[in-house]
Amino acid sequence: MKGEYTASELVAGPVVWISFALLVFPLALGAIDTRLMTPLALPGYVIFVLMTVVGDVLPVVRNYGFRLYWLPFLLVCYGISVAIATGYYALRRR
């Protein structure tokens, strides 16, 4: 069965959780204490800033603070992690 991956590996496999952790945890640690902000937080920070820019354009979301963006940020990071896992498993199958 080498080269075939189940849906559970694509949705909740180790590649998904590793990439999710690399996107979320460095930024979350930096948000808690700025001394913990590392260069690893840059990809998550870029995603968060882009979501903030989109949120500032939308009139419904404009009046809310940054705390509103954390749940959508987690969902977007999870989606990106699933895409990364899909690409990883596609490359590995070759």
Protein backbone atom coordinates (compact mmCIF):
# COMPACT_ATOMS: atom_id res chain seq x y z
CA MET A 1 0.00 0.00 0.00
CA LYS A 2 2.99 2.27 -0.39
CA GLY A 3 2.02 5.46 -2.12
CA GLU A 4 -1.63 5.36 -1.08
CA TYR A 5 -2.75 7.61 1.71
CA THR A 6 -6.02 7.65 3.55
CA ALA A 7 -8.23 10.67 4.04
CA SER A 8 -7.42 10.66 7.74
CA GLU A 9 -3.72 11.10 6.96
CA LEU A 10 -4.51 14.02 4.68
CA VAL A 11 -6.77 15.66 7.26
CA ALA A 12 -5.10 14.76 10.55
CA GLY A 13 -1.76 13.17 9.74
CA PRO A 14 1.56 14.14 11.25
CA VAL A 15 2.46 16.40 8.30
CA VAL A 16 -0.70 18.43 8.90
CA TRP A 17 -0.01 18.91 12.60
CA ILE A 18 3.68 19.73 12.13
CA SER A 19 2.97 22.38 9.51
CA PHE A 20 0.04 23.72 11.58
CA ALA A 21 2.28 23.98 14.64
CA LEU A 22 4.96 25.81 12.65
CA LEU A 23 2.40 28.34 11.42
CA VAL A 24 0.53 28.94 14.67
CA PHE A 25 2.69 28.39 17.75
CA PRO A 26 5.57 30.79 17.02
CA LEU A 27 3.09 33.60 16.36
CA ALA A 28 0.99 32.73 19.41
CA LEU A 29 4.08 32.71 21.63
CA GLY A 30 5.12 36.06 20.19
CA ALA A 31 1.65 37.46 20.87
CA ILE A 32 1.88 36.33 24.49
CA ASP A 33 5.35 37.77 25.03
CA THR A 34 7.16 39.73 22.32
CA ARG A 35 10.53 38.46 23.53
CA LEU A 36 9.47 35.03 22.25
CA MET A 37 8.88 36.28 18.69
CA THR A 38 11.27 34.40 16.43
CA PRO A 39 11.84 34.33 12.67
CA LEU A 40 9.74 31.15 12.64
CA ALA A 41 6.71 33.37 13.29
CA LEU A 42 7.07 35.14 9.93
CA PRO A 43 4.80 32.85 7.84
CA GLY A 44 2.04 32.95 10.44
CA TYR A 45 2.52 36.70 10.88
CA VAL A 46 2.14 37.28 7.13
CA ILE A 47 -1.09 35.25 7.08
CA PHE A 48 -2.40 37.16 10.11
CA VAL A 49 -1.55 40.54 8.56
CA LEU A 50 -3.23 39.61 5.27
CA MET A 51 -6.33 38.56 7.16
CA THR A 52 -6.24 41.87 9.05
CA VAL A 53 -6.05 43.80 5.78
CA VAL A 54 -9.03 41.90 4.41
CA GLY A 55 -10.88 42.41 7.69
CA ASP A 56 -10.27 46.16 7.56
CA VAL A 57 -11.85 46.33 4.11
CA LEU A 58 -15.00 44.48 5.19
CA PRO A 59 -17.37 46.94 6.89
CA VAL A 60 -18.92 44.28 9.15
CA VAL A 61 -15.60 43.28 10.72
CA ARG A 62 -13.91 46.68 10.78
CA ASN A 63 -15.07 47.64 14.28
CA TYR A 64 -13.78 44.50 15.99
CA GLY A 65 -10.35 44.09 17.52
CA PHE A 66 -7.59 41.67 16.64
CA ARG A 67 -9.03 38.99 18.93
CA LEU A 68 -11.71 38.32 16.32
CA TYR A 69 -9.09 37.15 13.83
CA TRP A 70 -7.67 34.27 15.87
CA LEU A 71 -10.37 31.70 15.07
CA PRO A 72 -10.34 32.40 11.31
CA PHE A 73 -6.53 32.45 11.50
CA LEU A 74 -6.53 28.97 13.00
CA LEU A 75 -8.94 27.73 10.33
CA VAL A 76 -6.87 29.24 7.50
CA CYS A 77 -3.67 27.76 8.94
CA TYR A 78 -5.34 24.37 9.17
CA GLY A 79 -6.44 24.62 5.54
CA ILE A 80 -2.94 25.57 4.48
CA SER A 81 -1.58 22.65 6.49
CA VAL A 82 -3.93 20.23 4.73
CA ALA A 83 -2.78 21.63 1.37
CA ILE A 84 0.86 21.20 2.41
CA ALA A 85 0.18 17.60 3.49
CA THR A 86 -1.58 16.86 0.20
CA GLY A 87 1.38 18.25 -1.73
CA TYR A 88 3.85 16.36 0.44
CA TYR A 89 2.08 13.05 -0.03
CA ALA A 90 1.72 13.69 -3.80
CA LEU A 91 5.47 14.31 -4.07
CA ARG A 92 6.24 11.32 -1.93
CA ARG A 93 4.07 9.08 -4.09
CA ARG A 94 6.20 9.93 -7.12
